[in-house]
Amino acid sequence: MTRTTREKIEQLRELKKRLIKGGGEERIEKQHQDGKLTARERVGLLFDPDTFQELFSLPNTGARCLAWAGKSFLPMAW
């Protein structure tokens, strides 16, 4: 099945939404219950809105180690 560009873009948007949640809603809530902010929330406080661009947030981007080559993983879910 061939996906259209529009479908691929939508898939990318959905993946980015999942990545933003990091370890999941439960972990974010636990951080908040402990009186802590998530890493993304802390970074958000450091920069003006829309001035920070996260690089290499997608799976399989920037893997430099041969052991990681070809592996699919979500960076915040180790």
Protein backbone atom coordinates (compact mmCIF):
# COMPACT_ATOMS: atom_id res chain seq x y z
CA MET A 1 0.00 0.00 0.00
CA THR A 2 1.40 3.38 -0.98
CA ARG A 3 0.85 6.18 1.46
CA THR A 4 0.26 9.71 0.30
CA THR A 5 2.40 12.61 1.42
CA ARG A 6 -0.51 13.87 3.47
CA GLU A 7 -0.76 10.52 5.29
CA LYS A 8 2.98 10.51 5.96
CA ILE A 9 2.82 14.04 7.38
CA GLU A 10 -0.07 13.04 9.63
CA GLN A 11 1.90 9.99 10.83
CA LEU A 12 4.86 12.26 11.63
CA ARG A 13 2.61 14.63 13.59
CA GLU A 14 1.19 11.74 15.62
CA LEU A 15 4.68 10.43 16.37
CA LYS A 16 5.80 13.85 17.58
CA LYS A 17 2.76 14.05 19.88
CA ARG A 18 3.77 10.71 21.42
CA LEU A 19 7.37 11.82 21.82
CA ILE A 20 6.34 14.99 23.63
CA LYS A 21 4.67 12.84 26.27
CA GLY A 22 8.03 11.23 27.03
CA GLY A 23 7.48 8.35 29.42
CA GLY A 24 3.71 8.77 29.29
CA GLU A 25 1.00 10.64 31.14
CA GLU A 26 1.57 8.62 34.33
CA ARG A 27 5.23 9.61 34.56
CA ILE A 28 4.45 13.24 33.85
CA GLU A 29 1.81 13.22 36.59
CA LYS A 30 4.30 11.57 38.99
CA GLN A 31 6.81 14.34 38.28
CA HIS A 32 4.15 16.95 39.03
CA GLN A 33 3.07 15.16 42.23
CA ASP A 34 6.70 15.21 43.36
CA GLY A 35 6.76 18.97 42.77
CA LYS A 36 8.97 18.65 39.70
CA LEU A 37 8.71 19.78 36.10
CA THR A 38 9.50 17.56 33.14
CA ALA A 39 12.65 18.24 31.13
CA ARG A 40 10.61 19.77 28.32
CA GLU A 41 8.77 22.01 30.78
CA ARG A 42 12.09 23.19 32.25
CA VAL A 43 13.51 23.89 28.78
CA GLY A 44 10.31 25.78 27.95
CA LEU A 45 10.96 28.11 30.87
CA LEU A 46 14.50 28.87 29.67
CA PHE A 47 13.62 30.02 26.15
CA ASP A 48 11.22 32.51 24.63
CA PRO A 49 8.18 30.85 23.01
CA ASP A 50 8.86 29.32 19.59
CA THR A 51 12.62 29.99 19.73
CA PHE A 52 13.80 26.50 20.76
CA GLN A 53 14.03 23.77 18.12
CA GLU A 54 14.57 20.23 19.39
CA LEU A 55 16.89 18.23 17.14
CA PHE A 56 17.09 14.46 16.75
CA SER A 57 13.85 13.81 18.63
CA LEU A 58 12.64 11.15 16.22
CA PRO A 59 13.59 7.46 16.42
CA ASN A 60 16.67 6.41 14.44
CA THR A 61 17.95 9.95 13.98
CA GLY A 62 21.50 10.64 14.98
CA ALA A 63 22.35 7.08 16.06
CA ARG A 64 26.14 7.00 15.94
CA CYS A 65 26.70 3.67 17.66
CA LEU A 66 26.67 0.56 15.48
CA ALA A 67 24.77 -1.28 18.21
CA TRP A 68 21.90 1.18 17.70
CA ALA A 69 21.92 1.11 13.91
CA GLY A 70 18.59 -0.06 12.56
CA LYS A 71 16.95 -0.09 16.00
CA SER A 72 13.66 1.65 16.52
CA PHE A 73 13.18 3.24 19.91
CA LEU A 74 11.57 6.26 21.52
CA PRO A 75 14.34 8.35 23.10
CA MET A 76 12.51 9.15 26.34
CA ALA A 77 11.32 5.58 26.97
CA TRP A 78 14.58 3.88 27.94
